[in-house]
PDB file of N, CA and C in Angstrom:
ATOM      1  N   MET A   1       0.614  -1.653  -0.088  1.00  0.00           N
ATOM      2  CA  MET A   1      -0.062  -0.133  -0.043  1.00  0.00           C
ATOM      3  C   MET A   1       1.241   0.839  -0.171  1.00  0.00           C
ATOM      4  N   LYS A   2       1.580   1.367  -0.963  1.00  0.00           N
ATOM      5  CA  LYS A   2       2.646   2.189  -1.421  1.00  0.00           C
ATOM      6  C   LYS A   2       1.446   3.918  -1.989  1.00  0.00           C
ATOM      7  N   ASP A   3       2.610   5.150  -0.492  1.00  0.00           N
ATOM      8  CA  ASP A   3       2.054   6.312  -0.906  1.00  0.00           C
ATOM      9  C   ASP A   3       0.118   6.197  -1.108  1.00  0.00           C
ATOM     10  N   THR A   4      -0.245   5.567  -0.068  1.00  0.00           N
ATOM     11  CA  THR A   4      -2.065   5.771  -0.402  1.00  0.00           C
ATOM     12  C   THR A   4      -3.380   6.060   0.687  1.00  0.00           C
ATOM     13  N   THR A   5      -3.626   7.191   0.104  1.00  0.00           N
ATOM     14  CA  THR A   5      -4.147   7.943   1.415  1.00  0.00           C
ATOM     15  C   THR A   5      -5.237   7.492   1.901  1.00  0.00           C
ATOM     16  N   PHE A   6      -5.791   7.757   2.862  1.00  0.00           N
ATOM     17  CA  PHE A   6      -6.968   7.430   3.431  1.00  0.00           C
ATOM     18  C   PHE A   6      -7.998   6.856   2.800  1.00  0.00           C
ATOM     19  N   GLU A   7      -8.466   8.174   1.586  1.00  0.00           N
ATOM     20  CA  GLU A   7      -9.039   8.529   0.684  1.00  0.00           C
ATOM     21  C   GLU A   7      -8.989   6.552  -0.255  1.00  0.00           C
ATOM     22  N   ASP A   8      -8.025   6.613  -1.040  1.00  0.00           N
ATOM     23  CA  ASP A   8      -7.974   5.521  -1.191  1.00  0.00           C
ATOM     24  C   ASP A   8      -8.385   4.277  -0.748  1.00  0.00           C
ATOM     25  N   TYR A   9      -8.158   3.911   0.268  1.00  0.00           N
ATOM     26  CA  TYR A   9      -8.159   2.890   1.047  1.00  0.00           C
ATOM     27  C   TYR A   9      -9.698   2.849   1.237  1.00  0.00           C
ATOM     28  N   LEU A  10     -10.308   3.866   1.602  1.00  0.00           N
ATOM     29  CA  LEU A  10     -11.888   3.744   1.643  1.00  0.00           C
ATOM     30  C   LEU A  10     -12.721   3.387   0.001  1.00  0.00           C
ATOM     31  N   GLN A  11     -12.156   4.277  -0.336  1.00  0.00           N
ATOM     32  CA  GLN A  11     -12.372   3.646  -2.070  1.00  0.00           C
ATOM     33  C   GLN A  11     -12.419   2.018  -2.339  1.00  0.00           C
ATOM     34  N   GLU A  12     -11.232   1.925  -1.625  1.00  0.00           N
ATOM     35  CA  GLU A  12     -10.596   0.129  -1.783  1.00  0.00           C
ATOM     36  C   GLU A  12     -11.354  -0.670  -1.145  1.00  0.00           C
ATOM     37  N   GLN A  13     -12.430  -0.197   0.350  1.00  0.00           N
ATOM     38  CA  GLN A  13     -12.971  -0.890   0.901  1.00  0.00           C
ATOM     39  C   GLN A  13     -14.369  -1.107  -0.172  1.00  0.00           C
ATOM     40  N   HIS A  14     -14.589   0.512  -0.036  1.00  0.00           N
ATOM     41  CA  HIS A  14     -16.742   0.605  -1.350  1.00  0.00           C
ATOM     42  C   HIS A  14     -16.077  -1.151  -2.429  1.00  0.00           C
ATOM     43  N   SER A  15     -15.409  -0.223  -3.196  1.00  0.00           N
ATOM     44  CA  SER A  15     -15.587  -1.425  -4.287  1.00  0.00           C
ATOM     45  C   SER A  15     -15.409  -3.127  -4.302  1.00  0.00           C
ATOM     46  N   GLU A  16     -14.572  -3.527  -2.923  1.00  0.00           N
ATOM     47  CA  GLU A  16     -14.655  -4.978  -2.110  1.00  0.00           C
ATOM     48  C   GLU A  16     -16.332  -4.961  -2.177  1.00  0.00           C
ATOM     49  N   GLN A  17     -17.225  -4.698  -1.764  1.00  0.00           N
ATOM     50  CA  GLN A  17     -18.317  -4.736  -1.710  1.00  0.00           C
ATOM     51  C   GLN A  17     -19.394  -4.266  -2.827  1.00  0.00           C
ATOM     52  N   TYR A  18     -19.193  -3.705  -3.277  1.00  0.00           N
ATOM     53  CA  TYR A  18     -20.119  -2.361  -3.954  1.00  0.00           C
ATOM     54  C   TYR A  18     -20.428  -3.656  -5.473  1.00  0.00           C
ATOM     55  N   CYS A  19     -21.578  -4.156  -5.974  1.00  0.00           N
ATOM     56  CA  CYS A  19     -22.064  -5.177  -6.813  1.00  0.00           C
ATOM     57  C   CYS A  19     -23.379  -3.856  -7.890  1.00  0.00           C
ATOM     58  N   GLY A  20     -22.608  -3.569  -8.645  1.00  0.00           N
ATOM     59  CA  GLY A  20     -23.342  -2.911 -10.139  1.00  0.00           C
ATOM     60  C   GLY A  20     -21.975  -2.357 -10.932  1.00  0.00           C
ATOM     61  N   LEU A  21     -22.848  -1.505 -11.676  1.00  0.00           N
ATOM     62  CA  LEU A  21     -22.586  -0.928 -12.713  1.00  0.00           C
ATOM     63  C   LEU A  21     -20.817   0.287 -12.540  1.00  0.00           C
ATOM     64  N   ASP A  22     -20.506  -0.088 -13.127  1.00  0.00           N
ATOM     65  CA  ASP A  22     -19.389   1.020 -13.012  1.00  0.00           C
ATOM     66  C   ASP A  22     -19.452   2.285 -13.271  1.00  0.00           C
ATOM     67  N   ASP A  23     -20.223   2.798 -13.434  1.00  0.00           N
ATOM     68  CA  ASP A  23     -21.169   4.261 -14.075  1.00  0.00           C
ATOM     69  C   ASP A  23     -21.625   4.428 -12.906  1.00  0.00           C
ATOM     70  N   ASP A  24     -22.087   4.102 -12.232  1.00  0.00           N
ATOM     71  CA  ASP A  24     -23.183   4.220 -10.718  1.00  0.00           C
ATOM     72  C   ASP A  24     -22.135   4.264  -9.526  1.00  0.00           C
ATOM     73  N   MET A  25     -20.936   3.522  -9.579  1.00  0.00           N
ATOM     74  CA  MET A  25     -19.704   3.600  -8.634  1.00  0.00           C
ATOM     75  C   MET A  25     -19.253   4.557  -8.294  1.00  0.00           C
ATOM     76  N   PRO A  26     -18.928   5.924  -8.749  1.00  0.00           N
ATOM     77  CA  PRO A  26     -18.885   7.268  -7.549  1.00  0.00           C
ATOM     78  C   PRO A  26     -20.223   7.392  -6.903  1.00  0.00           C
ATOM     79  N   ASP A  27     -21.415   7.683  -7.213  1.00  0.00           N
ATOM     80  CA  ASP A  27     -22.590   8.032  -6.690  1.00  0.00           C
ATOM     81  C   ASP A  27     -22.848   7.288  -6.015  1.00  0.00           C
ATOM     82  N   ASP A  28     -22.810   5.994  -5.941  1.00  0.00           N
ATOM     83  CA  ASP A  28     -22.576   4.494  -4.939  1.00  0.00           C
ATOM     84  C   ASP A  28     -21.488   5.054  -3.354  1.00  0.00           C
ATOM     85  N   TYR A  29     -20.549   5.833  -4.284  1.00  0.00           N
ATOM     86  CA  TYR A  29     -19.016   6.002  -2.913  1.00  0.00           C
ATOM     87  C   TYR A  29     -19.684   6.730  -2.325  1.00  0.00           C
ATOM     88  N   ALA A  30     -19.907   7.641  -2.849  1.00  0.00           N
ATOM     89  CA  ALA A  30     -20.070   9.323  -1.954  1.00  0.00           C
ATOM     90  C   ALA A  30     -21.269   8.616  -1.110  1.00  0.00           C
ATOM     91  N   ASP A  31     -22.289   7.791  -1.730  1.00  0.00           N
ATOM     92  CA  ASP A  31     -23.524   7.578  -1.137  1.00  0.00           C
ATOM     93  C   ASP A  31     -23.334   6.461   0.668  1.00  0.00           C
ATOM     94  N   TRP A  32     -22.079   5.669  -0.034  1.00  0.00           N
ATOM     95  CA  TRP A  32     -21.521   4.994   1.392  1.00  0.00           C
ATOM     96  C   TRP A  32     -21.107   5.977   1.938  1.00  0.00           C
ATOM     97  N   VAL A  33     -19.945   6.999   2.070  1.00  0.00           N
ATOM     98  CA  VAL A  33     -19.287   7.423   2.692  1.00  0.00           C
ATOM     99  C   VAL A  33     -19.811   8.381   3.024  1.00  0.00           C
ATOM    100  N   GLY A  34     -20.797   8.576   2.625  1.00  0.00           N
ATOM    101  CA  GLY A  34     -22.320   9.368   3.924  1.00  0.00           C
ATOM    102  C   GLY A  34     -22.772   8.677   4.378  1.00  0.00           C
ATOM    103  N   ASN A  35     -22.837   7.543   4.370  1.00  0.00           N
ATOM    104  CA  ASN A  35     -24.215   6.745   5.503  1.00  0.00           C
ATOM    105  C   ASN A  35     -23.157   6.004   6.918  1.00  0.00           C
ATOM    106  N   LEU A  36     -22.072   6.097   6.141  1.00  0.00           N
ATOM    107  CA  LEU A  36     -21.118   5.407   7.451  1.00  0.00           C
ATOM    108  C   LEU A  36     -21.011   6.692   8.484  1.00  0.00           C
ATOM    109  N   ASP A  37     -21.105   5.465  10.161  1.00  0.00           N
ATOM    110  CA  ASP A  37     -21.651   6.381  11.187  1.00  0.00           C
ATOM    111  C   ASP A  37     -19.907   6.863  12.102  1.00  0.00           C
ATOM    112  N   VAL A  38     -19.834   7.537  12.841  1.00  0.00           N
ATOM    113  CA  VAL A  38     -18.582   7.661  13.229  1.00  0.00           C
ATOM    114  C   VAL A  38     -17.410   6.897  13.579  1.00  0.00           C
ATOM    115  N   GLN A  39     -18.323   5.987  14.335  1.00  0.00           N
ATOM    116  CA  GLN A  39     -17.655   4.759  14.690  1.00  0.00           C
ATOM    117  C   GLN A  39     -17.128   3.810  13.779  1.00  0.00           C
ATOM    118  N   GLU A  40     -17.517   3.336  12.624  1.00  0.00           N
ATOM    119  CA  GLU A  40     -17.397   3.005  11.886  1.00  0.00           C
ATOM    120  C   GLU A  40     -16.128   3.646  10.699  1.00  0.00           C
ATOM    121  N   LEU A  41     -16.027   5.194  10.537  1.00  0.00           N
ATOM    122  CA  LEU A  41     -14.905   5.964  10.017  1.00  0.00           C
ATOM    123  C   LEU A  41     -14.165   5.894  11.070  1.00  0.00           C
ATOM    124  N   ILE A  42     -13.942   6.055  12.363  1.00  0.00           N
ATOM    125  CA  ILE A  42     -13.425   5.442  13.612  1.00  0.00           C
ATOM    126  C   ILE A  42     -12.029   4.154  12.691  1.00  0.00           C
ATOM    127  N   ASP A  43     -13.246   2.921  12.771  1.00  0.00           N
ATOM    128  CA  ASP A  43     -12.920   1.878  12.368  1.00  0.00           C
ATOM    129  C   ASP A  43     -12.019   1.410  11.460  1.00  0.00           C
ATOM    130  N   PHE A  44     -12.580   2.520  10.412  1.00  0.00           N
ATOM    131  CA  PHE A  44     -11.364   1.905   9.357  1.00  0.00           C
ATOM    132  C   PHE A  44     -10.787   2.902   9.664  1.00  0.00           C
ATOM    133  N   ALA A  45     -10.194   4.178  10.121  1.00  0.00           N
ATOM    134  CA  ALA A  45      -9.390   5.223  10.092  1.00  0.00           C
ATOM    135  C   ALA A  45      -7.729   4.687  10.651  1.00  0.00           C
ATOM    136  N   GLU A  46      -8.041   4.177  11.718  1.00  0.00           N
ATOM    137  CA  GLU A  46      -7.689   2.585  12.809  1.00  0.00           C
ATOM    138  C   GLU A  46      -6.954   1.959  11.562  1.00  0.00           C
ATOM    139  N   LEU A  47      -8.112   0.614  11.385  1.00  0.00           N
ATOM    140  CA  LEU A  47      -6.985  -0.201  10.471  1.00  0.00           C
ATOM    141  C   LEU A  47      -5.875   0.300   9.711  1.00  0.00           C
ATOM    142  N   TRP A  48      -6.589   1.954   8.827  1.00  0.00           N
ATOM    143  CA  TRP A  48      -6.000   2.215   7.842  1.00  0.00           C
ATOM    144  C   TRP A  48      -3.865   2.273   8.399  1.00  0.00           C
ATOM    145  N   GLY A  49      -4.142   3.564   9.821  1.00  0.00           N
ATOM    146  CA  GLY A  49      -3.511   3.495  10.099  1.00  0.00           C
ATOM    147  C   GLY A  49      -2.304   2.402  10.752  1.00  0.00           C
ATOM    148  N   LEU A  50      -2.736   1.449  11.394  1.00  0.00           N
ATOM    149  CA  LEU A  50      -2.321  -0.003  11.591  1.00  0.00           C
ATOM    150  C   LEU A  50      -1.902  -0.240  10.067  1.00  0.00           C
ATOM    151  N   ILE A  51      -2.591  -0.420   8.631  1.00  0.00           N
ATOM    152  CA  ILE A  51      -1.829  -1.670   7.351  1.00  0.00           C
ATOM    153  C   ILE A  51      -0.130   0.113   7.294  1.00  0.00           C
ATOM    154  N   ARG A  52      -0.855   1.254   7.188  1.00  0.00           N
ATOM    155  CA  ARG A  52       0.466   2.327   6.871  1.00  0.00           C
ATOM    156  C   ARG A  52       1.290   1.946   7.965  1.00  0.00           C
ATOM    157  N   ASN A  53       1.460   1.732   9.018  1.00  0.00           N
ATOM    158  CA  ASN A  53       2.542   2.085   9.891  1.00  0.00           C
ATOM    159  C   ASN A  53       3.256   0.534   9.657  1.00  0.00           C
ATOM    160  N   ARG A  54       2.804  -0.419   8.963  1.00  0.00           N
ATOM    161  CA  ARG A  54       3.469  -2.089   9.346  1.00  0.00           C
ATOM    162  C   ARG A  54       4.006  -2.151   7.925  1.00  0.00           C
ATOM    163  N   ASP A  55       3.382  -0.955   6.986  1.00  0.00           N
ATOM    164  CA  ASP A  55       4.336  -0.954   5.761  1.00  0.00           C
ATOM    165  C   ASP A  55       4.671  -0.119   5.884  1.00  0.00           C
ATOM    166  N   GLY A  56       5.655   0.462   6.672  1.00  0.00           N
ATOM    167  CA  GLY A  56       6.425   1.554   6.975  1.00  0.00           C
ATOM    168  C   GLY A  56       7.341   1.060   7.611  1.00  0.00           C
ATOM    169  N   TYR A  57       7.391   0.530   8.578  1.00  0.00           N
ATOM    170  CA  TYR A  57       7.733  -0.530   8.557  1.00  0.00           C
ATOM    171  C   TYR A  57       9.110  -1.736   8.158  1.00  0.00           C
ATOM    172  N   LYS A  58       8.095  -2.358   7.403  1.00  0.00           N
ATOM    173  CA  LYS A  58       8.773  -3.808   5.968  1.00  0.00           C
ATOM    174  C   LYS A  58       9.246  -2.268   4.980  1.00  0.00           C
ATOM    175  N   GLU A  59       9.031  -1.224   4.716  1.00  0.00           N
ATOM    176  CA  GLU A  59      10.110  -0.199   4.190  1.00  0.00           C
ATOM    177  C   GLU A  59      10.973   0.069   4.651  1.00  0.00           C
ATOM    178  N   ALA A  60      11.129   0.475   6.054  1.00  0.00           N
ATOM    179  CA  ALA A  60      12.533   0.500   6.597  1.00  0.00           C
ATOM    180  C   ALA A  60      13.265  -0.577   6.841  1.00  0.00           C
ATOM    181  N   GLY A  61      12.826  -2.004   7.243  1.00  0.00           N
ATOM    182  CA  GLY A  61      13.573  -3.266   6.942  1.00  0.00           C
ATOM    183  C   GLY A  61      14.056  -3.758   5.683  1.00  0.00           C
ATOM    184  N   ASP A  62      13.468  -3.253   4.308  1.00  0.00           N
ATOM    185  CA  ASP A  62      14.094  -3.250   3.282  1.00  0.00           C
ATOM    186  C   ASP A  62      15.129  -2.552   2.840  1.00  0.00           C
ATOM    187  N   LEU A  63      14.986  -1.268   3.691  1.00  0.00           N
ATOM    188  CA  LEU A  63      16.190  -0.298   2.971  1.00  0.00           C
ATOM    189  C   LEU A  63      17.342  -0.663   3.729  1.00  0.00           C
ATOM    190  N   PHE A  64      17.089  -1.313   5.397  1.00  0.00           N
ATOM    191  CA  PHE A  64      18.303  -1.515   5.893  1.00  0.00           C
ATOM    192  C   PHE A  64      18.862  -2.196   5.613  1.00  0.00           C
ATOM    193  N   PHE A  65      18.531  -3.285   5.397  1.00  0.00           N
ATOM    194  CA  PHE A  65      18.979  -4.992   4.371  1.00  0.00           C
ATOM    195  C   PHE A  65      19.292  -4.682   3.568  1.00  0.00           C
ATOM    196  N   LYS A  66      18.841  -3.267   2.454  1.00  0.00           N
ATOM    197  CA  LYS A  66      19.905  -3.484   1.356  1.00  0.00           C
ATOM    198  C   LYS A  66      21.218  -2.608   1.486  1.00  0.00           C
ATOM    199  N   LYS A  67      21.448  -1.964   2.455  1.00  0.00           N
ATOM    200  CA  LYS A  67      22.253  -1.581   2.808  1.00  0.00           C
ATOM    201  C   LYS A  67      23.674  -1.999   3.327  1.00  0.00           C
ATOM    202  N   LYS A  68      23.356  -3.253   3.597  1.00  0.00           N
ATOM    203  CA  LYS A  68      24.307  -4.139   4.445  1.00  0.00           C
ATOM    204  C   LYS A  68      24.597  -5.340   3.544  1.00  0.00           C
TER     205      LYS A  68
END
């Protein structure tokens, strides 16, 4: 998940559960985000943060071992 914004993450989460026409997807996404309650949004944000943190440690480890 390189340089993925929270918005990108939410779009990915939406696309995993979306079934419909591609033309309708942006409107459905806007509705989906608008209907998230505060706790759902917090849960998504916390999970995204954990994923970004994990990816950062992996990237740092990769750089460390490349230098040796």
